[in-house]
């Protein structure tokens, strides 16, 4: 089990997560949201007794069958609250393995984005159930690489190159896209193991179609020695499927074909940000979803777990600028300050008013969503919309869900599980 973050909720520190409008809540959740919105303030001194009244009862009745999960990028309050109630905060690789690592658990409740909850469901046994506190919590990068966007492009690649093409799907994809990786003999990867996965893929002697993050793809290519001349890119979204014969011919010399997706949180970082903080005596570390020109200038790059571990090892007096999601940096800054280490957000420089933005879609998982789902689970009335099954596709705006029939779902689960298990096998062998 990963060590807790040890971030503490102070009684009088306001919970900074922005209140969602009442009409953003599912009908079953609105009574809980109304209670929350009626609280006189958002300090832990006020919010925690209200949450305890529901969550402690749910934990007592659901017992050891229940585990709460959250990703590092969640708003600081959910990270702290999930740990307060005995849950785990981790990166996407650790979260995906929770059903496998904890066969004794039967109910997994995740405060994160939909693809993370689905990854758990893909590896879960039939007697394990996965729920997400807010099914509208999507990922902007994943939205650029829906299966129906990728399918036409991949069909053209396969028609030209045959079985020479394998898909490596970043964790930030749906189960349907992960299934494409499985069907082509490819694998899933995360930012923590992408280099190991791409090294393995190169050893297969096949072209790699890397989906969907172009920046992680370029950074990993440099790390494993793929020359820039051997890298090509298709546009993300629907445009990727519109490529014609001339564009396809340009891919003949490519060893690595990137899908042009990106994370809006990480593309705000610029070389000028690095120069600003380095001139003031700060070291710089960034997430590899950051553009390559910034990664090349940084003192180091790595996954969320790597960034957290790196800062936790710095000596008192150290000063470091961190380029990643804003909620994560705020939590890291708070924890590092206790050890005399100063952390700043890389983009928090003069004349940058929008610096330090957090993952807005992940922050749709707020205290009322967590309270409502756990209380309804305790009553045996959890909405089916919050249950996550392999192959589910949820509209991030309306909340409408497209669920596959049992036969199609089993096929997606089998293919995607193969790609996930291959990732785990390669990653654990490389440790």
Protein backbone atom coordinates (compact mmCIF):
# COMPACT_ATOMS: atom_id res chain seq x y z
CA UNK A 1 0.00 0.00 0.00
CA UNK A 2 1.29 3.43 -0.91
CA UNK A 3 2.23 5.68 2.01
CA UNK A 4 -0.36 8.35 2.85
CA UNK A 5 0.31 11.91 1.72
CA UNK A 6 0.02 13.09 5.34
CA UNK A 7 -1.69 16.30 4.22
CA UNK A 8 -3.86 17.52 7.08
CA UNK A 9 -7.11 19.45 7.12
CA UNK A 10 -6.84 22.47 9.38
CA UNK A 11 -10.10 23.29 11.21
CA UNK A 12 -10.42 26.91 10.09
CA UNK A 13 -8.85 26.77 6.60
CA UNK A 14 -11.56 27.28 3.95
CA UNK A 15 -12.21 24.47 1.53
CA UNK A 16 -11.26 26.16 -1.74
CA UNK A 17 -13.18 23.87 -4.06
CA UNK A 18 -15.76 25.95 -5.92
CA UNK A 19 -19.38 25.08 -5.22
CA UNK A 20 -21.16 23.49 -8.16
CA UNK A 21 -24.62 24.76 -9.20
CA UNK A 22 -27.43 22.64 -7.82
CA UNK A 23 -28.53 21.57 -11.30
CA UNK A 24 -25.14 19.88 -11.82
CA UNK A 25 -26.12 17.15 -9.39
CA UNK A 26 -28.01 13.97 -10.22
CA UNK A 27 -31.58 13.97 -8.85
CA UNK A 28 -30.65 11.46 -6.14
CA UNK A 29 -27.75 13.67 -5.04
CA UNK A 30 -29.61 16.99 -4.87
CA UNK A 31 -30.86 16.65 -1.26
CA UNK A 32 -27.27 16.19 -0.08
CA UNK A 33 -26.07 19.10 -2.22
CA UNK A 34 -28.80 21.34 -0.80
CA UNK A 35 -27.62 20.54 2.73
CA UNK A 36 -24.01 21.25 1.79
CA UNK A 37 -24.81 24.52 0.05
CA UNK A 38 -26.80 25.62 3.10
CA UNK A 39 -23.82 25.23 5.45
CA UNK A 40 -22.67 28.63 6.78
CA UNK A 41 -19.10 28.25 5.48
CA UNK A 42 -16.68 25.83 3.85
CA UNK A 43 -14.19 25.34 6.67
CA UNK A 44 -13.40 21.80 7.81
CA UNK A 45 -14.76 22.76 11.25
CA UNK A 46 -18.18 23.10 9.61
CA UNK A 47 -18.03 20.65 6.71
CA UNK A 48 -16.51 17.64 8.50
CA UNK A 49 -19.27 17.12 11.08
CA UNK A 50 -21.80 17.15 8.24
CA UNK A 51 -19.77 14.62 6.24
CA UNK A 52 -19.06 12.45 9.28
CA UNK A 53 -22.77 12.07 9.96
CA UNK A 54 -23.17 10.22 6.63
CA UNK A 55 -19.78 8.76 5.83
CA UNK A 56 -18.92 7.22 9.18
CA UNK A 57 -22.26 5.41 9.18
CA UNK A 58 -21.64 4.16 5.63
CA UNK A 59 -18.14 2.98 6.53
CA UNK A 60 -19.45 1.17 9.58
CA UNK A 61 -22.21 -0.62 7.65
CA UNK A 62 -20.23 -1.40 4.49
CA UNK A 63 -17.24 -2.42 6.58
CA UNK A 64 -14.06 -3.87 5.07
CA UNK A 65 -15.76 -4.41 1.70
CA UNK A 66 -15.34 -0.68 0.95
CA UNK A 67 -12.29 1.22 -0.24
CA UNK A 68 -12.17 4.91 -1.17
CA UNK A 69 -9.75 6.08 -3.87
CA UNK A 70 -8.60 9.41 -5.28
CA UNK A 71 -5.95 10.65 -7.69
CA UNK A 72 -3.26 13.16 -6.71
CA UNK A 73 -4.83 15.76 -9.04
CA UNK A 74 -8.09 15.87 -7.16
CA UNK A 75 -8.90 19.11 -5.41
CA UNK A 76 -6.90 19.20 -2.19
CA UNK A 77 -9.97 18.80 -0.05
CA UNK A 78 -11.05 15.51 -1.61
CA UNK A 79 -7.50 14.17 -1.34
CA UNK A 80 -7.49 15.03 2.36
CA UNK A 81 -11.03 13.77 2.92
CA UNK A 82 -10.46 10.45 1.18
CA UNK A 83 -7.44 9.83 3.40
CA UNK A 84 -9.37 10.99 6.47
CA UNK A 85 -11.92 8.26 5.80
CA UNK A 86 -9.31 5.54 5.37
CA UNK A 87 -8.88 5.74 1.59
CA UNK A 88 -5.91 5.81 -0.76
CA UNK A 89 -4.52 8.65 -2.84
CA UNK A 90 -2.24 7.49 -5.65
CA UNK A 91 -1.25 7.85 -9.30
CA UNK A 92 -3.11 6.21 -12.17
CA UNK A 93 -0.90 3.09 -12.26
CA UNK A 94 -1.46 2.33 -8.58
CA UNK A 95 -5.19 3.07 -8.80
CA UNK A 96 -5.69 0.77 -11.80
CA UNK A 97 -4.28 -2.17 -9.83
CA UNK A 98 -6.38 -1.74 -6.70
CA UNK A 99 -8.92 -4.47 -7.50
CA UNK A 100 -6.10 -6.91 -8.20
CA UNK A 101 -4.05 -5.90 -5.17
CA UNK A 102 -7.07 -6.05 -2.87
CA UNK A 103 -9.20 -9.07 -3.80
CA UNK A 104 -10.87 -8.85 -0.39
CA UNK A 105 -12.52 -5.52 -1.33
CA UNK A 106 -15.92 -5.59 -2.99
CA UNK A 107 -16.81 -1.89 -3.41
CA UNK A 108 -14.39 0.61 -4.96
CA UNK A 109 -15.47 4.26 -4.81
CA UNK A 110 -13.26 6.60 -6.80
CA UNK A 111 -13.09 10.38 -6.70
CA UNK A 112 -11.27 10.96 -9.97
CA UNK A 113 -12.00 10.91 -13.70
CA UNK A 114 -14.00 8.26 -15.50
CA UNK A 115 -11.13 6.52 -17.33
CA UNK A 116 -9.41 5.87 -13.98
CA UNK A 117 -12.48 4.22 -12.51
CA UNK A 118 -12.95 2.21 -15.70
CA UNK A 119 -9.36 0.95 -15.53
CA UNK A 120 -10.15 -0.56 -12.13
CA UNK A 121 -13.33 -2.10 -13.53
CA UNK A 122 -11.39 -3.65 -16.42
CA UNK A 123 -9.18 -5.56 -13.99
CA UNK A 124 -11.86 -6.28 -11.38
CA UNK A 125 -13.52 -9.65 -10.79
CA UNK A 126 -17.28 -10.04 -11.35
CA UNK A 127 -17.93 -9.81 -7.60
CA UNK A 128 -16.13 -6.45 -7.32
CA UNK A 129 -18.07 -3.27 -8.08
CA UNK A 130 -16.58 0.08 -9.10
CA UNK A 131 -18.34 3.42 -8.59
CA UNK A 132 -17.38 6.99 -9.48
CA UNK A 133 -18.68 9.85 -7.37
CA UNK A 134 -19.43 12.00 -10.43
CA UNK A 135 -19.73 10.26 -13.83
CA UNK A 136 -19.38 13.65 -15.58
CA UNK A 137 -15.76 13.81 -14.46
CA UNK A 138 -14.02 13.30 -17.75
CA UNK A 139 -10.59 14.13 -19.12
CA UNK A 140 -10.02 16.72 -21.85
CA UNK A 141 -7.20 14.62 -23.33
CA UNK A 142 -9.40 11.53 -23.41
CA UNK A 143 -12.12 13.58 -25.10
CA UNK A 144 -9.74 14.17 -28.03
CA UNK A 145 -9.30 10.44 -28.56
CA UNK A 146 -12.70 8.78 -28.40
CA UNK A 147 -12.94 5.38 -30.06
CA UNK A 148 -15.13 6.75 -32.87
CA UNK A 149 -12.45 9.37 -33.62
CA UNK A 150 -9.58 6.90 -33.64
CA UNK A 151 -11.28 4.08 -35.54
CA UNK A 152 -11.19 5.70 -39.02
CA UNK A 153 -7.54 6.72 -38.62
CA UNK A 154 -6.49 3.30 -37.37
CA UNK A 155 -8.38 1.58 -40.21
CA UNK A 156 -6.31 3.60 -42.70
CA UNK A 157 -3.07 2.81 -40.88
CA UNK A 158 -3.93 -0.87 -40.82
CA UNK A 159 -4.88 -0.86 -44.51
CA UNK A 160 -1.49 0.63 -45.39
CA UNK A 161 0.78 -1.16 -42.91
CA UNK A 162 -1.15 -4.30 -42.02
CA UNK A 163 -0.15 -6.04 -38.82
CA UNK A 164 3.00 -3.91 -38.65
CA UNK A 165 1.10 -1.38 -36.46
CA UNK A 166 0.56 -1.81 -32.72
CA UNK A 167 -1.24 0.61 -30.44
CA UNK A 168 0.21 1.87 -27.18
CA UNK A 169 -2.65 3.54 -25.31
CA UNK A 170 -1.93 6.01 -22.53
CA UNK A 171 -3.96 5.37 -19.39
CA UNK A 172 -5.87 8.57 -20.22
CA UNK A 173 -8.08 6.71 -22.68
CA UNK A 174 -11.36 4.84 -22.49
CA UNK A 175 -11.60 1.09 -22.15
CA UNK A 176 -12.65 0.90 -25.78
CA UNK A 177 -9.34 2.49 -26.84
CA UNK A 178 -7.37 0.30 -24.46
CA UNK A 179 -9.10 -2.65 -26.12
CA UNK A 180 -7.65 -1.49 -29.46
CA UNK A 181 -4.20 -1.72 -27.89
CA UNK A 182 -4.98 -5.23 -26.70
CA UNK A 183 -6.27 -6.37 -30.10
CA UNK A 184 -3.11 -5.18 -31.83
CA UNK A 185 -0.71 -6.82 -29.40
CA UNK A 186 0.08 -3.48 -27.78
CA UNK A 187 -0.09 -2.26 -24.22
CA UNK A 188 -1.34 0.49 -21.95
CA UNK A 189 1.14 2.89 -20.37
CA UNK A 190 1.18 5.60 -17.72
CA UNK A 191 3.56 8.50 -17.32
CA UNK A 192 5.46 6.47 -14.73
CA UNK A 193 6.17 3.52 -17.05
CA UNK A 194 5.85 4.95 -20.58
CA UNK A 195 9.58 4.60 -21.31
CA UNK A 196 9.59 0.93 -20.30
CA UNK A 197 6.49 0.23 -22.40
CA UNK A 198 7.84 2.00 -25.50
CA UNK A 199 11.20 0.20 -25.16
CA UNK A 200 9.28 -3.08 -25.09
CA UNK A 201 7.17 -2.02 -28.09
CA UNK A 202 10.28 -1.09 -30.12
CA UNK A 203 11.72 -4.52 -29.41
CA UNK A 204 8.72 -6.04 -31.21
CA UNK A 205 9.97 -4.47 -34.47
CA UNK A 206 6.60 -2.89 -35.29
CA UNK A 207 5.36 0.65 -35.81
CA UNK A 208 3.95 2.22 -32.68
CA UNK A 209 0.72 4.21 -32.79
CA UNK A 210 0.91 6.18 -29.52
CA UNK A 211 -2.44 7.52 -28.30
CA UNK A 212 -3.35 10.21 -27.29
CA UNK A 213 -0.72 12.54 -25.76
CA UNK A 214 1.69 13.98 -28.31
CA UNK A 215 3.89 15.59 -25.64
CA UNK A 216 4.38 12.45 -23.56
CA UNK A 217 5.06 10.63 -26.82
CA UNK A 218 7.80 13.05 -27.89
CA UNK A 219 9.38 13.11 -24.45
CA UNK A 220 9.45 9.32 -24.22
CA UNK A 221 10.79 9.05 -27.78
CA UNK A 222 13.76 11.19 -26.79
CA UNK A 223 14.25 9.11 -23.66
CA UNK A 224 14.40 5.79 -25.55
CA UNK A 225 16.33 7.04 -28.55
CA UNK A 226 13.76 7.41 -31.35
CA UNK A 227 15.07 10.05 -33.76
CA UNK A 228 12.77 13.02 -34.47
CA UNK A 229 12.88 12.16 -38.19
CA UNK A 230 11.23 8.84 -37.34
CA UNK A 231 8.27 10.48 -35.57
CA UNK A 232 5.05 11.54 -37.29
CA UNK A 233 1.78 12.90 -35.95
CA UNK A 234 -1.89 12.67 -36.86
CA UNK A 235 -4.26 15.44 -35.76
CA UNK A 236 -6.46 14.66 -32.78
CA UNK A 237 -10.23 14.54 -32.83
CA UNK A 238 -12.22 13.84 -35.99
CA UNK A 239 -9.49 15.30 -38.21
CA UNK A 240 -7.23 12.31 -37.59
CA UNK A 241 -9.56 10.07 -39.56
CA UNK A 242 -9.67 12.47 -42.51
CA UNK A 243 -6.07 11.94 -43.63
CA UNK A 244 -5.70 11.20 -47.33
CA UNK A 245 -3.27 9.08 -49.36
CA UNK A 246 -0.60 11.79 -49.50
CA UNK A 247 -0.59 12.21 -45.72
CA UNK A 248 -0.53 8.45 -45.23
CA UNK A 249 2.48 8.12 -47.52
CA UNK A 250 4.39 10.53 -45.30
CA UNK A 251 4.05 8.00 -42.46
CA UNK A 252 6.01 5.30 -44.29
CA UNK A 253 9.27 6.28 -42.64
CA UNK A 254 7.79 6.70 -39.15
CA UNK A 255 8.64 4.36 -36.31
CA UNK A 256 6.39 6.27 -33.90
CA UNK A 257 3.04 7.75 -34.99
CA UNK A 258 1.56 10.14 -32.45
CA UNK A 259 -2.05 11.14 -32.00
CA UNK A 260 -2.14 14.91 -31.55
CA UNK A 261 -3.89 15.03 -28.19
CA UNK A 262 -2.67 17.02 -25.21
CA UNK A 263 -3.50 18.01 -21.64
CA UNK A 264 -4.59 21.63 -21.32
CA UNK A 265 -3.28 21.76 -17.76
CA UNK A 266 0.27 20.91 -18.87
CA UNK A 267 0.50 22.89 -22.10
CA UNK A 268 0.48 26.22 -20.21
CA UNK A 269 4.16 25.79 -19.33
CA UNK A 270 6.76 27.71 -21.33
CA UNK A 271 10.56 27.94 -21.51
CA UNK A 272 10.25 31.47 -20.13
CA UNK A 273 8.74 30.03 -16.94
CA UNK A 274 11.79 27.84 -16.44
CA UNK A 275 14.10 30.80 -17.03
CA UNK A 276 12.15 32.96 -14.56
CA UNK A 277 12.44 30.56 -11.63
CA UNK A 278 15.93 29.35 -12.37
CA UNK A 279 17.16 32.96 -12.33
CA UNK A 280 15.83 33.15 -8.77
CA UNK A 281 17.66 30.03 -7.62
CA UNK A 282 14.93 27.42 -7.98
CA UNK A 283 15.34 23.99 -9.50
CA UNK A 284 12.61 22.93 -11.94
CA UNK A 285 10.80 19.61 -12.28
CA UNK A 286 7.85 18.92 -14.58
CA UNK A 287 5.38 16.26 -15.63
CA UNK A 288 6.13 14.61 -19.02
CA UNK A 289 2.79 15.73 -20.47
CA UNK A 290 4.52 19.11 -20.65
CA UNK A 291 5.84 20.22 -24.09
CA UNK A 292 9.28 18.83 -24.91
CA UNK A 293 11.01 22.20 -25.09
CA UNK A 294 10.13 22.74 -21.42
CA UNK A 295 11.05 19.21 -20.37
CA UNK A 296 14.43 19.62 -22.07
CA UNK A 297 15.16 22.71 -19.96
CA UNK A 298 13.95 21.24 -16.65
CA UNK A 299 16.17 19.57 -14.06
CA UNK A 300 13.97 16.49 -14.15
CA UNK A 301 10.60 15.14 -15.22
CA UNK A 302 8.37 12.35 -14.05
CA UNK A 303 4.93 11.14 -13.07
CA UNK A 304 2.90 12.51 -10.19
CA UNK A 305 4.32 9.88 -7.84
CA UNK A 306 7.85 10.73 -9.04
CA UNK A 307 7.29 14.45 -8.48
CA UNK A 308 5.93 13.86 -4.99
CA UNK A 309 8.81 11.55 -4.07
CA UNK A 310 11.41 13.91 -5.58
CA UNK A 311 10.26 16.88 -3.52
CA UNK A 312 9.90 14.77 -0.38
CA UNK A 313 13.61 13.93 -0.60
CA UNK A 314 14.85 17.52 -0.91
CA UNK A 315 16.84 18.97 1.98
CA UNK A 316 15.47 21.84 4.10
CA UNK A 317 16.14 25.14 2.40
CA UNK A 318 15.64 23.74 -1.10
CA UNK A 319 13.52 25.75 -3.55
CA UNK A 320 11.76 24.04 -6.46
CA UNK A 321 9.31 25.08 -9.16
CA UNK A 322 6.94 22.26 -10.12
CA UNK A 323 5.19 22.11 -13.47
CA UNK A 324 2.01 20.07 -13.18
CA UNK A 325 -1.65 20.30 -12.13
CA UNK A 326 -2.44 23.12 -9.72
CA UNK A 327 -4.21 21.17 -6.96
CA UNK A 328 -1.28 18.77 -6.80
CA UNK A 329 1.22 21.62 -6.49
CA UNK A 330 -0.79 23.31 -3.75
CA UNK A 331 -0.88 20.09 -1.74
CA UNK A 332 2.82 19.51 -2.36
CA UNK A 333 3.64 23.09 -1.35
CA UNK A 334 1.78 22.66 1.92
CA UNK A 335 3.49 19.40 2.79
CA UNK A 336 6.97 20.53 1.72
CA UNK A 337 6.74 23.71 3.82
CA UNK A 338 6.57 21.53 6.95
CA UNK A 339 10.10 20.35 6.14
CA UNK A 340 11.46 23.77 5.20
CA UNK A 341 11.26 23.20 1.41
CA UNK A 342 9.74 25.94 -0.75
CA UNK A 343 7.54 24.83 -3.65
CA UNK A 344 6.08 27.14 -6.29
CA UNK A 345 3.95 26.45 -9.34
CA UNK A 346 6.10 26.77 -12.46
CA UNK A 347 3.62 29.02 -14.28
CA UNK A 348 3.07 31.31 -11.29
CA UNK A 349 5.08 34.19 -12.74
CA UNK A 350 4.28 37.90 -13.21
CA UNK A 351 1.67 38.71 -15.86
CA UNK A 352 0.37 35.13 -15.89
CA UNK A 353 -3.07 35.54 -14.22
CA UNK A 354 -4.29 32.05 -15.10
CA UNK A 355 -1.27 30.21 -13.75
CA UNK A 356 -1.65 27.17 -11.55
CA UNK A 357 -4.92 25.92 -12.97
CA UNK A 358 -6.19 22.60 -11.71
CA UNK A 359 -7.95 19.81 -13.56
CA UNK A 360 -11.43 21.30 -13.73
CA UNK A 361 -13.20 18.10 -14.73
CA UNK A 362 -11.61 16.07 -11.94
CA UNK A 363 -12.71 18.74 -9.47
CA UNK A 364 -16.32 17.93 -10.26
CA UNK A 365 -15.95 15.32 -7.52
CA UNK A 366 -16.78 17.44 -4.49
CA UNK A 367 -17.82 16.68 -0.88
CA UNK A 368 -21.57 16.34 -1.63
CA UNK A 369 -20.86 13.79 -4.38
CA UNK A 370 -18.79 11.67 -2.01
CA UNK A 371 -21.33 11.92 0.80
CA UNK A 372 -24.31 11.17 -1.43
CA UNK A 373 -22.81 8.14 -3.12
CA UNK A 374 -21.64 6.54 0.11
CA UNK A 375 -24.93 7.12 1.89
CA UNK A 376 -26.91 5.74 -1.06
CA UNK A 377 -24.57 2.73 -1.26
CA UNK A 378 -25.24 2.10 2.42
CA UNK A 379 -28.98 2.14 1.70
CA UNK A 380 -28.60 -0.13 -1.33
CA UNK A 381 -29.84 2.68 -3.60
CA UNK A 382 -26.70 3.80 -5.41
CA UNK A 383 -27.66 5.15 -8.87
CA UNK A 384 -26.74 2.84 -11.71
CA UNK A 385 -25.23 5.84 -13.54
CA UNK A 386 -22.42 5.89 -10.96
CA UNK A 387 -21.60 2.22 -11.48
CA UNK A 388 -18.68 1.85 -13.89
CA UNK A 389 -18.51 -1.12 -16.25
CA UNK A 390 -15.99 -1.87 -19.02
CA UNK A 391 -16.81 -0.06 -22.23
CA UNK A 392 -19.07 2.58 -20.67
CA UNK A 393 -19.00 5.91 -22.50
CA UNK A 394 -20.37 8.92 -20.59
CA UNK A 395 -21.08 12.34 -22.07
CA UNK A 396 -19.12 14.74 -19.86
CA UNK A 397 -21.70 17.52 -20.29
CA UNK A 398 -25.08 15.81 -20.16
CA UNK A 399 -24.08 12.76 -18.13
CA UNK A 400 -25.82 10.48 -20.64
CA UNK A 401 -24.23 7.03 -20.77
CA UNK A 402 -23.84 4.57 -23.60
CA UNK A 403 -23.45 1.06 -22.17
CA UNK A 404 -22.45 -1.90 -24.31
CA UNK A 405 -24.49 -5.08 -24.41
CA UNK A 406 -23.00 -7.97 -22.37
CA UNK A 407 -21.31 -9.61 -25.36
CA UNK A 408 -19.63 -6.41 -26.59
CA UNK A 409 -18.69 -5.47 -23.03
CA UNK A 410 -17.02 -8.83 -22.48
CA UNK A 411 -15.01 -8.38 -25.68
CA UNK A 412 -13.84 -4.89 -24.71
CA UNK A 413 -12.97 -6.07 -21.21
CA UNK A 414 -10.98 -9.04 -22.51
CA UNK A 415 -8.98 -7.02 -25.03
CA UNK A 416 -8.37 -4.05 -22.72
CA UNK A 417 -7.43 -6.32 -19.82
CA UNK A 418 -4.81 -7.94 -22.02
CA UNK A 419 -3.23 -4.54 -22.69
CA UNK A 420 -3.36 -3.56 -19.01
CA UNK A 421 -1.91 -6.86 -17.85
CA UNK A 422 0.88 -6.53 -20.40
CA UNK A 423 1.66 -3.09 -18.97
CA UNK A 424 1.78 -4.46 -15.44
CA UNK A 425 3.97 -7.38 -16.46
CA UNK A 426 6.50 -5.12 -18.23
CA UNK A 427 6.47 -2.54 -15.44
CA UNK A 428 6.96 -4.98 -12.60
CA UNK A 429 9.71 -6.83 -14.49
CA UNK A 430 11.56 -3.53 -14.95
CA UNK A 431 11.57 -2.68 -11.22
